Amino acid sequence: MNQFGKPLIILGLVLVVAGLVISFSPRLPTWLGRLPGDINIKREDFSLHIPLTTCLIISAVLSFVMWLMRK
């Protein structure tokens, strides 16, 4: 395998596992995107949702996973 093969296989497996968890866990999406710090503005003709805290947590988890893969 070349230098990109192993990380792509691992990333694919991680995505498959994440997809299965989201598909078979109906309660997971209820709190995801509704954390304190996520911005949600609703008006009568306008709705804006910015999942700031959720994105920061996902970024931290993915950075940690990538750090573990480098070791």
N, C-alpha and C. Protein backbone atom coordinates (compact mmCIF):
# COMPACT_ATOMS: atom_id res chain seq x y z
N MET A 1 0.83 -1.18 0.00
CA MET A 1 0.00 0.00 0.00
C MET A 1 0.87 1.24 0.00
N ASN A 2 0.41 2.25 -0.67
CA ASN A 2 1.17 3.49 -0.64
C ASN A 2 0.85 4.26 0.63
N GLN A 3 1.36 5.45 0.73
CA GLN A 3 1.23 6.20 1.98
C GLN A 3 -0.19 6.69 2.25
N PHE A 4 -1.06 6.73 1.24
CA PHE A 4 -2.42 7.20 1.43
C PHE A 4 -3.43 6.08 1.62
N GLY A 5 -3.04 4.86 1.35
CA GLY A 5 -3.98 3.74 1.40
C GLY A 5 -4.52 3.44 2.78
N LYS A 6 -3.64 3.28 3.74
CA LYS A 6 -4.05 2.93 5.10
C LYS A 6 -4.93 4.00 5.75
N PRO A 7 -4.55 5.29 5.68
CA PRO A 7 -5.43 6.30 6.28
C PRO A 7 -6.80 6.38 5.60
N LEU A 8 -6.86 6.16 4.30
CA LEU A 8 -8.15 6.19 3.62
C LEU A 8 -9.04 5.02 4.04
N ILE A 9 -8.44 3.86 4.24
CA ILE A 9 -9.21 2.70 4.72
C ILE A 9 -9.73 2.96 6.12
N ILE A 10 -8.88 3.50 6.98
CA ILE A 10 -9.29 3.79 8.36
C ILE A 10 -10.38 4.86 8.37
N LEU A 11 -10.23 5.91 7.56
CA LEU A 11 -11.24 6.96 7.48
C LEU A 11 -12.57 6.38 6.98
N GLY A 12 -12.51 5.50 6.00
CA GLY A 12 -13.73 4.86 5.50
C GLY A 12 -14.42 4.04 6.57
N LEU A 13 -13.65 3.29 7.34
CA LEU A 13 -14.24 2.50 8.42
C LEU A 13 -14.85 3.38 9.50
N VAL A 14 -14.18 4.48 9.82
CA VAL A 14 -14.71 5.41 10.81
C VAL A 14 -16.03 6.01 10.32
N LEU A 15 -16.09 6.37 9.05
CA LEU A 15 -17.33 6.92 8.50
C LEU A 15 -18.45 5.89 8.49
N VAL A 16 -18.14 4.65 8.20
CA VAL A 16 -19.15 3.59 8.22
C VAL A 16 -19.68 3.41 9.64
N VAL A 17 -18.79 3.37 10.61
CA VAL A 17 -19.21 3.20 12.00
C VAL A 17 -20.05 4.40 12.45
N ALA A 18 -19.62 5.61 12.10
CA ALA A 18 -20.39 6.80 12.46
C ALA A 18 -21.78 6.77 11.81
N GLY A 19 -21.86 6.36 10.57
CA GLY A 19 -23.14 6.25 9.89
C GLY A 19 -24.06 5.23 10.54
N LEU A 20 -23.50 4.09 10.95
CA LEU A 20 -24.31 3.08 11.64
C LEU A 20 -24.80 3.58 12.99
N VAL A 21 -23.94 4.27 13.72
CA VAL A 21 -24.34 4.80 15.03
C VAL A 21 -25.47 5.81 14.85
N ILE A 22 -25.35 6.69 13.89
CA ILE A 22 -26.39 7.70 13.67
C ILE A 22 -27.68 7.05 13.18
N SER A 23 -27.57 6.03 12.33
CA SER A 23 -28.77 5.37 11.79
C SER A 23 -29.53 4.59 12.84
N PHE A 24 -28.81 3.91 13.72
CA PHE A 24 -29.46 3.02 14.68
C PHE A 24 -29.63 3.64 16.06
N SER A 25 -29.27 4.88 16.22
CA SER A 25 -29.43 5.56 17.50
C SER A 25 -30.31 6.79 17.31
N PRO A 26 -31.61 6.66 17.48
CA PRO A 26 -32.49 7.80 17.22
C PRO A 26 -32.31 8.95 18.21
N ARG A 27 -31.73 8.70 19.37
CA ARG A 27 -31.57 9.76 20.36
C ARG A 27 -30.33 10.60 20.12
N LEU A 28 -29.38 10.12 19.36
CA LEU A 28 -28.14 10.86 19.15
C LEU A 28 -28.37 12.21 18.50
N PRO A 29 -29.12 12.30 17.41
CA PRO A 29 -29.29 13.61 16.77
C PRO A 29 -30.09 14.62 17.60
N THR A 30 -30.81 14.19 18.65
CA THR A 30 -31.62 15.14 19.41
C THR A 30 -30.75 16.12 20.19
N TRP A 31 -29.61 15.69 20.70
CA TRP A 31 -28.76 16.62 21.45
C TRP A 31 -27.67 17.21 20.57
N LEU A 32 -27.36 16.56 19.48
CA LEU A 32 -26.32 17.05 18.58
C LEU A 32 -26.84 18.28 17.85
N GLY A 33 -26.18 19.40 18.01
CA GLY A 33 -26.62 20.64 17.42
C GLY A 33 -27.47 21.49 18.33
N ARG A 34 -27.73 21.01 19.53
CA ARG A 34 -28.53 21.77 20.49
C ARG A 34 -27.76 21.97 21.79
N LEU A 35 -26.46 22.07 21.69
CA LEU A 35 -25.63 22.25 22.87
C LEU A 35 -25.61 23.72 23.28
N PRO A 36 -25.28 23.99 24.55
CA PRO A 36 -25.12 25.40 24.95
C PRO A 36 -24.00 26.03 24.12
N GLY A 37 -24.25 27.17 23.56
CA GLY A 37 -23.28 27.83 22.69
C GLY A 37 -23.64 27.72 21.22
N ASP A 38 -24.55 26.84 20.89
CA ASP A 38 -25.06 26.77 19.52
C ASP A 38 -26.07 27.90 19.34
N ILE A 39 -25.97 28.62 18.25
CA ILE A 39 -26.81 29.79 18.02
C ILE A 39 -28.02 29.38 17.18
N ASN A 40 -29.20 29.70 17.68
CA ASN A 40 -30.44 29.38 16.98
C ASN A 40 -31.35 30.60 17.03
N ILE A 41 -31.59 31.21 15.89
CA ILE A 41 -32.43 32.40 15.80
C ILE A 41 -33.64 32.06 14.94
N LYS A 42 -34.83 32.27 15.50
CA LYS A 42 -36.07 32.01 14.76
C LYS A 42 -36.91 33.28 14.75
N ARG A 43 -37.28 33.69 13.57
CA ARG A 43 -38.20 34.81 13.38
C ARG A 43 -39.40 34.27 12.60
N GLU A 44 -40.37 35.10 12.35
CA GLU A 44 -41.57 34.61 11.68
C GLU A 44 -41.31 34.17 10.24
N ASP A 45 -40.37 34.80 9.54
CA ASP A 45 -40.08 34.40 8.17
C ASP A 45 -38.61 34.03 7.96
N PHE A 46 -37.89 33.78 9.05
CA PHE A 46 -36.45 33.57 8.96
C PHE A 46 -36.00 32.63 10.06
N SER A 47 -35.10 31.73 9.73
CA SER A 47 -34.55 30.81 10.72
C SER A 47 -33.05 30.66 10.44
N LEU A 48 -32.25 30.77 11.50
CA LEU A 48 -30.80 30.65 11.36
C LEU A 48 -30.28 29.75 12.48
N HIS A 49 -29.51 28.75 12.10
CA HIS A 49 -28.92 27.83 13.08
C HIS A 49 -27.43 27.73 12.82
N ILE A 50 -26.62 28.08 13.82
CA ILE A 50 -25.17 28.00 13.72
C ILE A 50 -24.69 27.10 14.86
N PRO A 51 -24.34 25.85 14.57
CA PRO A 51 -23.93 24.91 15.62
C PRO A 51 -22.46 25.11 16.01
N LEU A 52 -22.15 26.23 16.66
CA LEU A 52 -20.78 26.60 16.98
C LEU A 52 -20.13 25.60 17.95
N THR A 53 -20.77 25.34 19.07
CA THR A 53 -20.20 24.42 20.06
C THR A 53 -20.10 23.01 19.50
N THR A 54 -21.11 22.57 18.78
CA THR A 54 -21.08 21.24 18.19
C THR A 54 -19.90 21.09 17.24
N CYS A 55 -19.65 22.10 16.41
CA CYS A 55 -18.53 22.05 15.48
C CYS A 55 -17.20 22.03 16.21
N LEU A 56 -17.08 22.78 17.29
CA LEU A 56 -15.84 22.78 18.07
C LEU A 56 -15.58 21.42 18.70
N ILE A 57 -16.61 20.78 19.22
CA ILE A 57 -16.44 19.46 19.84
C ILE A 57 -16.09 18.42 18.79
N ILE A 58 -16.77 18.44 17.65
CA ILE A 58 -16.46 17.49 16.58
C ILE A 58 -15.03 17.70 16.09
N SER A 59 -14.61 18.95 15.96
CA SER A 59 -13.25 19.25 15.53
C SER A 59 -12.22 18.73 16.52
N ALA A 60 -12.48 18.90 17.80
CA ALA A 60 -11.55 18.42 18.83
C ALA A 60 -11.46 16.90 18.80
N VAL A 61 -12.59 16.22 18.65
CA VAL A 61 -12.58 14.76 18.61
C VAL A 61 -11.84 14.25 17.38
N LEU A 62 -12.11 14.87 16.23
CA LEU A 62 -11.42 14.45 15.01
C LEU A 62 -9.92 14.74 15.08
N SER A 63 -9.54 15.86 15.68
CA SER A 63 -8.11 16.18 15.84
C SER A 63 -7.44 15.14 16.73
N PHE A 64 -8.12 14.74 17.79
CA PHE A 64 -7.58 13.72 18.70
C PHE A 64 -7.43 12.38 17.98
N VAL A 65 -8.41 12.01 17.19
CA VAL A 65 -8.34 10.75 16.44
C VAL A 65 -7.18 10.79 15.44
N MET A 66 -7.04 11.91 14.74
CA MET A 66 -5.94 12.04 13.78
C MET A 66 -4.59 12.02 14.50
N TRP A 67 -4.51 12.61 15.67
CA TRP A 67 -3.28 12.59 16.46
C TRP A 67 -2.94 11.15 16.86
N LEU A 68 -3.97 10.39 17.26
CA LEU A 68 -3.74 8.99 17.62
C LEU A 68 -3.28 8.18 16.42
N MET A 69 -3.79 8.48 15.24
CA MET A 69 -3.40 7.73 14.04
C MET A 69 -1.94 8.01 13.66
N ARG A 70 -1.44 9.19 13.98
CA ARG A 70 -0.05 9.52 13.66
C ARG A 70 0.96 8.80 14.56
N LYS A 71 0.54 8.49 15.77
CA LYS A 71 1.46 7.84 16.73
C LYS A 71 1.81 6.44 16.30
